[in-house]
Protein backbone atom coordinates (compact mmCIF):
# COMPACT_ATOMS: atom_id res chain seq x y z
CA MET A 1 47.54 -15.51 83.47
CA LYS A 2 46.50 -17.81 80.66
CA LYS A 3 44.89 -21.10 81.69
CA ILE A 4 46.65 -24.25 80.53
CA LYS A 5 44.49 -27.28 79.85
CA TYR A 6 45.61 -30.91 80.13
CA PHE A 7 44.07 -34.21 79.08
CA TYR A 8 44.79 -37.85 80.08
CA ASN A 9 46.40 -39.82 77.27
CA THR A 10 45.30 -43.45 77.58
CA HIS A 11 48.04 -44.59 75.29
CA THR A 12 50.88 -43.11 77.29
CA LEU A 13 49.00 -43.28 80.59
CA ARG A 14 49.97 -39.75 81.51
CA TYR A 15 48.56 -36.21 81.48
CA GLU A 16 49.63 -34.18 78.50
CA LYS A 17 49.24 -30.51 77.61
CA LEU A 18 46.23 -29.76 75.31
CA VAL A 19 47.37 -27.97 72.17
CA THR A 20 44.67 -26.64 69.70
CA PRO A 21 45.82 -26.70 66.07
CA LEU A 22 45.94 -23.39 64.20
CA ARG A 23 43.54 -24.68 61.57
CA VAL A 24 40.89 -25.42 64.19
CA LYS A 25 41.32 -22.01 65.76
CA PHE A 26 40.84 -20.36 62.38
CA LEU A 27 37.69 -22.37 61.63
CA ARG A 28 36.25 -21.52 65.03
CA PHE A 29 36.92 -17.83 64.42
CA ILE A 30 35.23 -17.92 61.00
CA ALA A 31 32.22 -19.74 62.48
CA PHE A 32 31.92 -17.15 65.26
CA ILE A 33 32.03 -14.23 62.80
CA ALA A 34 29.47 -15.86 60.50
CA THR A 35 27.14 -16.59 63.38
CA ALA A 36 27.43 -13.01 64.60
CA PHE A 37 26.60 -11.61 61.16
CA VAL A 38 23.61 -13.92 60.69
CA THR A 39 22.31 -13.13 64.15
CA ALA A 40 22.71 -9.38 63.60
CA ALA A 41 20.96 -9.62 60.22
CA LEU A 42 18.03 -11.53 61.69
CA ILE A 43 17.67 -9.08 64.57
CA SER A 44 17.79 -6.10 62.18
CA TYR A 45 15.25 -7.65 59.82
CA PHE A 46 12.72 -8.40 62.52
CA ALA A 47 13.35 -5.07 64.22
CA PHE A 48 12.79 -2.96 61.06
CA GLN A 49 9.96 -5.17 59.84
CA PHE A 50 7.80 -4.95 62.93
CA VAL A 51 9.21 -2.08 64.94
CA GLY A 52 10.76 0.36 62.46
CA SER A 53 13.63 2.71 62.86
CA PRO A 54 13.22 5.93 64.85
CA ASN A 55 13.56 7.93 61.64
CA GLU A 56 10.88 5.87 59.91
CA LYS A 57 8.56 6.26 62.87
CA TYR A 58 9.11 10.03 62.80
CA LEU A 59 8.50 10.20 59.03
CA ARG A 60 5.37 8.05 59.36
CA ILE A 61 3.97 10.32 62.07
CA GLN A 62 4.89 13.41 60.07
CA ASN A 63 3.25 12.01 56.93
CA ALA A 64 0.05 11.18 58.82
CA GLN A 65 -0.01 14.71 60.24
CA LEU A 66 0.52 16.20 56.77
CA LYS A 67 -2.37 14.15 55.38
CA GLN A 68 -4.61 15.32 58.21
CA ASP A 69 -3.55 18.94 57.68
CA PHE A 70 -4.20 18.65 53.95
CA GLU A 71 -7.62 17.12 54.59
CA ASP A 72 -8.52 19.96 56.95
CA LEU A 73 -7.22 22.51 54.44
CA ASN A 74 -9.15 20.89 51.61
CA ASP A 75 -12.36 20.99 53.67
CA SER A 76 -11.79 24.70 54.33
CA VAL A 77 -11.16 25.38 50.65
CA ALA A 78 -14.29 23.42 49.69
CA GLN A 79 -16.38 25.53 52.08
CA ILE A 80 -14.88 28.74 50.68
CA GLN A 81 -15.60 27.56 47.12
CA MET A 82 -19.22 26.86 48.06
CA LYS A 83 -19.55 30.33 49.56
CA MET A 84 -17.93 31.90 46.49
CA ALA A 85 -20.31 29.99 44.18
CA GLU A 86 -23.28 31.23 46.23
CA LEU A 87 -22.00 34.83 46.11
CA GLU A 88 -21.46 34.60 42.35
CA LYS A 89 -24.95 33.16 41.85
CA ARG A 90 -26.51 35.84 44.04
CA ASP A 91 -24.49 38.51 42.25
CA ASN A 92 -25.75 37.47 38.80
CA SER A 93 -29.28 36.37 39.68
CA VAL A 94 -30.25 38.97 42.27
CA TYR A 95 -28.08 42.04 42.62
CA ARG A 96 -27.40 42.69 38.94
CA SER A 97 -30.98 41.90 37.88
CA ILE A 98 -32.25 44.54 40.32
CA PHE A 99 -30.16 47.19 38.60
CA GLU A 100 -30.72 45.83 35.05
CA ALA A 101 -27.00 45.12 34.75
CA SER A 102 -25.61 42.33 32.58
CA PRO A 103 -24.46 39.25 34.51
CA LEU A 104 -20.73 39.01 35.09
CA PRO A 105 -19.49 36.32 32.64
CA ASP A 106 -17.69 33.30 34.06
CA SER A 107 -14.67 34.21 31.93
CA ALA A 108 -14.24 37.32 34.05
CA ARG A 109 -13.93 35.09 37.05
CA ALA A 110 -11.50 32.17 37.27
CA THR A 111 -13.08 29.48 35.11
CA PHE A 112 -11.06 26.60 36.55
CA LEU A 113 -13.02 24.92 39.32
CA GLU A 114 -11.50 21.80 40.95
CA LYS A 115 -14.17 19.10 41.00
CA GLN A 116 -12.24 15.96 42.01
CA ASN A 117 -11.75 14.72 45.53
CA GLU A 118 -8.34 16.00 46.52
CA ILE A 119 -7.99 13.59 49.43
CA ALA A 120 -8.09 10.59 47.08
CA ARG A 121 -5.20 12.07 45.14
CA VAL A 122 -2.98 12.58 48.17
CA GLU A 123 -1.80 8.94 48.14
CA ARG A 124 -0.15 9.33 44.73
CA MET A 125 1.08 12.89 45.12
CA SER A 126 4.55 13.97 46.06
CA GLY A 127 5.13 16.89 48.39
CA ASN A 128 5.73 19.24 45.47
CA GLU A 129 2.52 18.12 43.75
CA LEU A 130 0.54 18.75 46.91
CA VAL A 131 1.99 22.24 47.16
CA ARG A 132 1.17 22.92 43.50
CA SER A 133 -2.37 21.62 43.94
CA ILE A 134 -3.01 23.81 46.97
CA SER A 135 -1.41 26.81 45.27
CA LEU A 136 -3.59 26.34 42.18
CA THR A 137 -6.75 26.18 44.27
CA LEU A 138 -5.80 29.21 46.34
CA ASN A 139 -4.83 31.21 43.24
CA ASN A 140 -8.16 30.29 41.71
CA LEU A 141 -9.99 31.53 44.78
CA LYS A 142 -7.93 34.72 44.85
CA SER A 143 -8.90 35.44 41.23
CA ARG A 144 -12.57 34.80 41.92
CA ILE A 145 -12.51 36.95 45.06
CA ALA A 146 -10.82 39.80 43.16
CA ALA A 147 -13.41 39.57 40.38
CA GLN A 148 -16.25 39.44 42.90
CA LYS A 149 -14.86 42.46 44.75
CA SER A 150 -14.75 44.38 41.48
CA SER A 151 -18.33 43.33 40.74
CA TYR A 152 -19.54 44.46 44.16
CA ASN A 153 -17.77 47.79 43.68
CA GLU A 154 -19.71 48.16 40.43
CA ILE A 155 -22.96 47.23 42.18
CA ALA A 156 -22.18 49.79 44.89
CA GLY A 157 -21.98 52.37 42.12
CA LEU A 158 -25.29 51.14 40.73
CA ILE A 159 -26.85 51.48 44.19
CA ASN A 160 -25.61 55.06 44.40
CA ASN A 161 -27.09 55.71 40.95
CA LYS A 162 -30.34 53.83 41.59
CA GLU A 163 -32.14 56.98 42.71
CA LYS A 164 -30.98 58.75 39.57
CA LEU A 165 -32.02 55.77 37.44
CA LEU A 166 -35.51 55.75 38.95
CA ALA A 167 -35.82 59.49 38.44
CA ALA A 168 -34.74 59.06 34.80
CA THR A 169 -37.23 56.26 34.07
CA PRO A 170 -40.55 57.46 32.53
CA ALA A 171 -43.20 56.84 35.20
CA ILE A 172 -46.22 59.16 34.72
CA GLN A 173 -48.67 60.11 31.97
CA PRO A 174 -47.70 63.19 29.95
CA VAL A 175 -51.10 64.83 30.40
CA SER A 176 -53.51 64.86 33.32
CA ASN A 177 -55.75 61.80 32.89
CA LYS A 178 -57.30 60.97 36.24
CA ASP A 179 -60.54 59.61 34.79
CA LEU A 180 -58.61 57.59 32.14
CA ASN A 181 -60.83 58.77 29.27
CA ARG A 182 -58.10 60.51 27.26
CA ILE A 183 -56.51 57.40 25.70
CA ALA A 184 -57.61 57.55 22.06
CA SER A 185 -55.23 55.08 20.45
CA GLY A 186 -52.67 52.64 21.82
CA PHE A 187 -49.35 51.11 20.84
CA GLY A 188 -49.40 48.64 17.94
CA TYR A 189 -50.85 48.33 14.46
CA ARG A 190 -53.64 50.86 13.92
CA ILE A 191 -55.50 52.41 10.98
CA ASP A 192 -53.69 55.48 9.67
CA PRO A 193 -56.12 58.46 9.73
CA ILE A 194 -54.72 59.92 6.50
CA TYR A 195 -53.93 56.91 4.32
CA LYS A 196 -56.52 54.54 5.86
CA THR A 197 -54.02 51.68 5.88
CA VAL A 198 -52.85 49.58 8.81
CA LYS A 199 -49.54 50.95 10.07
CA MET A 200 -47.46 50.62 13.18
CA HIS A 201 -48.43 53.21 15.79
CA ALA A 202 -45.37 53.51 18.03
CA GLY A 203 -46.92 55.44 20.89
CA LEU A 204 -50.07 56.46 22.76
CA ASP A 205 -52.46 59.23 21.68
CA PHE A 206 -53.90 61.31 24.52
CA THR A 207 -56.87 63.43 23.40
CA ALA A 208 -57.21 66.79 25.14
CA ALA A 209 -58.33 70.32 24.43
CA GLN A 210 -55.82 72.49 22.65
CA GLY A 211 -53.63 74.25 25.19
CA THR A 212 -53.76 71.42 27.75
CA PRO A 213 -50.39 71.25 29.57
CA ILE A 214 -47.93 68.47 28.69
CA TYR A 215 -45.47 67.35 31.33
CA ALA A 216 -42.08 65.62 31.29
CA THR A 217 -42.51 62.05 32.48
CA ALA A 218 -38.97 61.73 33.93
CA ASN A 219 -35.84 63.76 34.63
CA GLY A 220 -33.64 64.51 31.65
CA VAL A 221 -32.28 67.01 29.14
CA ILE A 222 -34.22 68.42 26.20
CA LYS A 223 -32.77 66.95 23.01
CA THR A 224 -35.27 68.32 20.45
CA ALA A 225 -37.74 71.19 20.75
CA GLY A 226 -39.67 72.40 17.70
CA ASN A 227 -40.80 71.26 14.27
CA THR A 228 -38.23 69.23 12.33
CA GLY A 229 -40.56 68.19 9.47
CA ASN A 230 -40.86 64.54 10.52
CA GLY A 231 -44.66 64.52 10.91
CA TYR A 232 -44.69 65.10 14.66
CA GLY A 233 -45.18 68.86 14.18
CA ASN A 234 -44.01 70.85 17.17
CA HIS A 235 -42.57 68.20 19.40
CA VAL A 236 -40.13 67.62 22.23
CA VAL A 237 -37.66 64.78 22.69
CA ILE A 238 -36.13 64.34 26.15
CA ASN A 239 -32.94 62.35 26.73
CA HIS A 240 -33.26 60.83 30.21
CA GLY A 241 -30.00 58.90 30.20
CA TYR A 242 -29.64 55.17 30.91
CA GLY A 243 -30.84 54.55 27.33
CA TYR A 244 -34.25 56.22 27.85
CA GLU A 245 -35.82 58.88 25.58
CA THR A 246 -39.39 60.14 25.39
CA LEU A 247 -41.16 61.98 22.56
CA TYR A 248 -44.16 64.36 22.86
CA GLY A 249 -45.73 65.29 19.53
CA HIS A 250 -48.14 67.71 17.82
CA MET A 251 -47.87 70.55 20.36
CA VAL A 252 -49.51 73.88 19.65
CA ARG A 253 -46.61 75.52 21.50
CA VAL A 254 -43.33 74.27 22.86
CA LYS A 255 -42.24 75.69 26.17
CA ALA A 256 -38.97 73.80 26.60
CA ARG A 257 -35.68 74.64 24.86
CA VAL A 258 -32.85 72.43 23.66
CA GLY A 259 -30.28 71.72 26.38
CA GLN A 260 -32.67 72.58 29.19
CA ARG A 261 -32.64 70.18 32.16
CA VAL A 262 -36.12 69.19 33.29
CA GLU A 263 -37.53 67.08 36.08
CA ARG A 264 -40.51 64.75 36.15
CA GLY A 265 -43.69 66.82 36.16
CA ASP A 266 -42.14 69.98 34.59
CA LEU A 267 -44.23 71.73 31.94
CA ILE A 268 -42.66 71.32 28.46
CA GLY A 269 -45.47 72.38 26.10
CA TYR A 270 -49.18 72.42 25.26
CA VAL A 271 -51.48 70.03 23.39
CA GLY A 272 -52.11 70.96 19.74
CA SER A 273 -52.65 69.43 16.30
CA THR A 274 -49.53 70.39 14.36
CA GLY A 275 -47.81 68.11 11.86
CA LYS A 276 -49.52 64.93 10.64
CA SER A 277 -52.53 65.08 12.96
CA THR A 278 -56.33 64.95 12.63
CA GLY A 279 -57.19 66.59 15.93
CA PRO A 280 -55.76 68.03 19.16
CA HIS A 281 -53.86 65.34 21.04
CA CYS A 282 -50.47 64.44 22.52
CA HIS A 283 -48.64 61.63 20.78
CA TYR A 284 -46.32 60.04 23.38
CA GLU A 285 -43.49 57.57 22.78
CA VAL A 286 -40.95 55.81 25.02
CA HIS A 287 -37.62 54.64 23.59
CA LYS A 288 -35.04 52.40 25.30
CA ASN A 289 -31.67 52.10 23.55
CA GLY A 290 -33.31 53.16 20.29
CA GLN A 291 -36.16 50.63 20.53
CA LYS A 292 -39.73 51.93 20.74
CA LEU A 293 -41.61 50.46 23.72
CA ASP A 294 -45.27 50.46 24.70
CA PRO A 295 -45.65 53.53 26.97
CA VAL A 296 -48.58 51.98 28.82
CA TYR A 297 -46.11 50.00 30.95
CA PHE A 298 -44.45 53.18 32.24
CA PHE A 299 -47.30 54.72 34.23
CA TYR A 300 -46.67 53.00 37.56
CA ASN A 301 -46.19 56.24 39.52
CA ASP A 302 -49.67 57.67 39.03
CA LEU A 303 -51.95 54.63 38.54
CA SER A 304 -53.41 52.07 40.92
CA PRO A 305 -53.50 48.41 39.77
CA GLN A 306 -57.19 48.76 38.94
CA GLN A 307 -56.58 51.94 36.95
CA PHE A 308 -53.71 50.28 35.10
CA ASP A 309 -55.94 47.36 34.08
CA GLU A 310 -58.56 49.78 32.80
CA LEU A 311 -55.98 51.84 30.92
CA LEU A 312 -54.51 48.69 29.39
CA LYS A 313 -57.93 47.68 28.04
CA ARG A 314 -58.49 51.11 26.48
CA ALA A 315 -55.01 51.23 24.93
CA SER A 316 -55.32 47.77 23.40
CA ALA A 317 -58.52 48.55 21.52
CA SER A 318 -58.13 48.32 17.73
CA ASN A 319 -59.09 51.69 16.30
CA GLN A 320 -57.86 54.59 14.20
CA SER A 321 -54.94 56.63 15.45
CA PHE A 322 -54.88 60.44 15.48
CA ASP A 323 -51.59 60.69 13.55
């Protein structure tokens, strides 16, 4: 039941019923609504400013977790990149040098290496940019790993062929020379015995009695056997593979035949003085990829360090060659 209010009218000296005008009621209602809105706005402002909405709190926590996850991931990627760089360096500087293989060029690996600090970029990156950044780094590592795997497969093949390579590398003297007194002329510019002019002597001359055995200095296949009119007289050329060839000149008799496979130490002929020669000797040359090398550096299988030093002194003496 609605309460009825009265007030004492001093003019009429009686109690009268209190009636609120419609205009006053309307103004009170407007004031109440305005106050409610202002109060609600102030509460919302202070609440969101200092407390935050549940959704904002969740997003803030999620964002912090994402940053931490990205930092951990970036640290892991950085460690992997360091390990990859070490493997690539070891591959080029150690493994491939052992097998005389050309270094793997950087272009064969992924050349893009991220150098900036990714964590500093997180603040201005969107989610999609972060994903793209991580994907780029991972793709880069995948490319480098694939290239490195291919390189190691190649090195594995080189390891399997290393024994063959060593067997195909000239490593002994072509004639028996235990006392080291058979070196008559070394590699380099020497006096030509026929024309008496200084000419390049591209091998070593081993003096020996006619008929002294001549041996193959490495495994290979006979490429030339006989006299081809090039001044070497009866001579043998052996193709050892891996770019190596050896030549044995001025034989009195050739024992090997073209196409024959020989091994280091096999008899291929006998010392003579055929062709452009002034006395019985074996002219010996070593070629690598068509370039003539000093044979004195290929006697490591049958010489001690002291013997090598002595042989080097004898071979470097300036004198007249035998051919």
